[in-house]
Amino acid sequence: MFHIFRETPEFGRSLATRVDPFLDESTKGHLRLVGGGGEAIVFGDPEKQLAIKLLAPPGRARFGWVLEGREDTGWAIRGGGLAEAVVRFAWFESLFGSGLELDQVGTAGDFLVLRQPFIEGCHPDEPSLSRWMTERGWSRWSPPTDLEMIANLTWRRDEWIATDVRPENALLAEADGVIRAIDFIVGRVR
């Protein structure tokens, strides 16, 4: 089932929709399945107000997508290894300050668990997200690439790159009205 969940994001989202309504105070365990996609299976921990992200092969993203410039084909993404994931998530945290923390690494290096504060809210609209990125010094950037996501959803600030910048990967917090990045793919121009 894990393989099916990782390889078919639609199945993961469907499963999350079907499971969540049945979880309540009488359910064993305190984590609730929130969703999943190309990189992670995401659970909510309502007691500690955390989002818990489980990353593990065999999905295409492996331990998360790595953004890299290639001389022959321009910019691309590929599934990354464990060490690359730790670096990428440290970069993401330093650039966007989301409260992302490394929680656990599998003893055999076979999985990675991250946690972030759970933010009650909704996804911002595209103009609001664009304004938020611009206010933080980011500019739209369309590098040479064969991938539509990189061509259309990439931003740059100095040597830093953020792609997959879309409303679904950010939250507009209900408590304070502030937008917070939750899942952009970051990299550096070398």
Foldseek 3Di string as FASTA:
>chain_A
DVQCVQADQVVFAVVLVVQQVVDDPVDPDQWGFDGDYNAWGWIARVVVQKIKTKGFDPGFLGNHWAWDADPPQGIDIGRDADVVNVVQVVVVCVLFVQQKDWDDAPPVNGMTMIMGRHAPFAFDAPVVLVVLCVVSQKDDDQIGHPDPQNRGAWIDHVFKIWTPSHRVQWGQGPVPRDIGGHDIGMDGHD
